[in-house]
Amino acid sequence: MLVTGGDYCGDGCICDEGAISVDALAQFNADVSKTPVGSGAVHYVPCGCPGIVSEVCCRSGACTRNCVSPSDTLPACADAGPSGGFCALAAGSECAQQGPPNSCAYADETCCLPVMQ
């Protein structure tokens, strides 16, 4: 789960820059609500936050933003179809067509085939 990170105690810039387990979200929100920014006593300054990534996943028990990489595609997906395929997180993937089952390195991924032209 993405969470905002930064200085919750004073005026400043807060960007989506952290990832936590969804099991920790309630505690995170409770903790933030006790800060000056969380309580509304202080307002943060909107700013341009470069490189915000909207997808996080769990790999080897840790949160990461590196959810898709060519190196995690097994040959069964890479060789699927004339243009090959790629692995994407099953929950957020919008595959034109799903490739062979169990053809990605991680169980939470789906082999996606490109749109056939």
Protein backbone atom coordinates (compact mmCIF):
# COMPACT_ATOMS: atom_id res chain seq x y z
CA MET A 1 0.00 0.00 0.00
CA LEU A 2 1.39 3.41 -0.91
CA VAL A 3 1.45 5.97 1.90
CA THR A 4 2.42 9.61 1.99
CA GLY A 5 5.77 10.36 3.47
CA GLY A 6 7.45 13.48 4.70
CA ASP A 7 7.38 15.84 7.66
CA TYR A 8 3.96 15.67 9.30
CA CYS A 9 4.98 18.18 11.97
CA GLY A 10 5.37 21.38 9.97
CA ASP A 11 4.57 23.15 6.75
CA GLY A 12 6.26 21.27 3.99
CA CYS A 13 5.98 18.96 1.06
CA ILE A 14 4.45 15.51 1.45
CA CYS A 15 4.68 13.06 -1.45
CA ASP A 16 3.61 9.47 -2.04
CA GLU A 17 6.95 7.93 -1.29
CA GLY A 18 6.45 5.04 1.06
CA ALA A 19 5.02 1.55 0.98
CA ILE A 20 3.71 -0.41 3.93
CA SER A 21 1.86 -3.64 4.50
CA VAL A 22 -1.92 -3.26 4.31
CA ASP A 23 -1.98 -4.83 7.78
CA ALA A 24 -0.16 -1.73 9.10
CA LEU A 25 -2.43 0.85 7.40
CA ALA A 26 -4.82 1.38 10.33
CA GLN A 27 -1.92 2.01 12.73
CA PHE A 28 -0.24 4.34 10.19
CA ASN A 29 -3.46 6.38 9.81
CA ALA A 30 -3.92 6.52 13.60
CA ASP A 31 -0.34 7.72 14.05
CA VAL A 32 -0.63 10.36 11.30
CA SER A 33 -3.87 11.69 12.80
CA LYS A 34 -1.92 12.59 15.96
CA THR A 35 0.50 14.84 14.07
CA PRO A 36 0.00 18.57 13.36
CA VAL A 37 -0.66 17.89 9.66
CA GLY A 38 -2.91 14.91 10.35
CA SER A 39 -5.01 16.86 12.84
CA GLY A 40 -5.33 19.85 10.51
CA ALA A 41 -3.41 22.22 12.82
CA VAL A 42 -0.75 22.68 10.15
CA HIS A 43 -1.24 22.49 6.40
CA TYR A 44 1.29 20.99 4.07
CA VAL A 45 2.38 22.83 0.95
CA PRO A 46 1.40 21.12 -2.32
CA CYS A 47 4.48 20.46 -4.39
CA GLY A 48 5.60 18.67 -7.52
CA CYS A 49 6.54 15.19 -6.47
CA PRO A 50 8.75 13.60 -9.11
CA GLY A 51 8.64 9.95 -9.98
CA ILE A 52 5.56 8.91 -8.04
CA VAL A 53 4.88 5.23 -8.64
CA SER A 54 1.30 4.07 -8.15
CA GLU A 55 2.02 0.36 -7.86
CA VAL A 56 3.63 -1.53 -5.04
CA CYS A 57 3.79 -5.24 -4.39
CA CYS A 58 5.25 -7.71 -1.95
CA ARG A 59 8.37 -9.63 -2.94
CA SER A 60 10.11 -11.94 -0.47
CA GLY A 61 8.10 -10.50 2.40
CA ALA A 62 8.99 -6.86 1.72
CA CYS A 63 7.15 -4.00 0.02
CA THR A 64 8.70 -2.86 -3.24
CA ARG A 65 7.92 -0.68 -6.23
CA ASN A 66 9.88 -2.98 -8.52
CA CYS A 67 6.84 -5.12 -9.33
CA VAL A 68 7.48 -5.99 -12.95
CA SER A 69 10.82 -6.67 -14.54
CA PRO A 70 11.86 -8.54 -17.66
CA SER A 71 14.02 -10.84 -15.56
CA ASP A 72 11.02 -12.32 -13.76
CA THR A 73 9.37 -13.53 -16.97
CA LEU A 74 9.78 -17.26 -17.44
CA PRO A 75 10.26 -18.62 -20.97
CA ALA A 76 6.67 -19.93 -21.12
CA CYS A 77 5.38 -16.36 -20.99
CA ALA A 78 8.18 -14.70 -22.95
CA ASP A 79 7.65 -17.19 -25.79
CA ALA A 80 3.84 -17.05 -25.71
CA GLY A 81 2.35 -15.77 -28.94
CA PRO A 82 4.12 -14.13 -31.90
CA SER A 83 5.11 -11.02 -29.91
CA GLY A 84 5.88 -12.77 -26.64
CA GLY A 85 4.33 -11.82 -23.33
CA PHE A 86 5.16 -10.14 -20.07
CA CYS A 87 4.30 -10.71 -16.44
CA ALA A 88 2.13 -8.25 -14.54
CA LEU A 89 0.47 -8.21 -11.15
CA ALA A 90 -2.72 -10.20 -11.48
CA ALA A 91 -4.79 -7.82 -9.35
CA GLY A 92 -4.00 -4.76 -11.45
CA SER A 93 -3.25 -6.21 -14.84
CA GLU A 94 -5.33 -5.35 -17.86
CA CYS A 95 -4.20 -8.07 -20.19
CA ALA A 96 -5.52 -8.16 -23.72
CA GLN A 97 -5.25 -11.93 -23.39
CA GLN A 98 -3.84 -14.13 -20.65
CA GLY A 99 -0.95 -16.38 -21.53
CA PRO A 100 -0.10 -19.84 -20.19
CA PRO A 101 -0.90 -20.45 -16.51
CA ASN A 102 2.03 -20.59 -14.06
CA SER A 103 4.37 -18.97 -16.58
CA CYS A 104 5.57 -16.10 -14.40
CA ALA A 105 8.23 -16.20 -11.72
CA TYR A 106 5.86 -14.98 -9.00
CA ALA A 107 2.54 -16.58 -8.06
CA ASP A 108 0.79 -13.18 -7.88
CA GLU A 109 1.54 -12.39 -11.52
CA THR A 110 -0.29 -13.21 -14.73
CA CYS A 111 1.27 -13.76 -18.13
CA CYS A 112 -0.16 -11.03 -20.39
CA LEU A 113 -0.13 -11.25 -24.15
CA PRO A 114 -0.09 -8.10 -26.27
CA VAL A 115 -3.06 -7.05 -28.39
CA MET A 116 -2.93 -8.88 -31.69
CA GLN A 117 -3.05 -6.51 -34.67
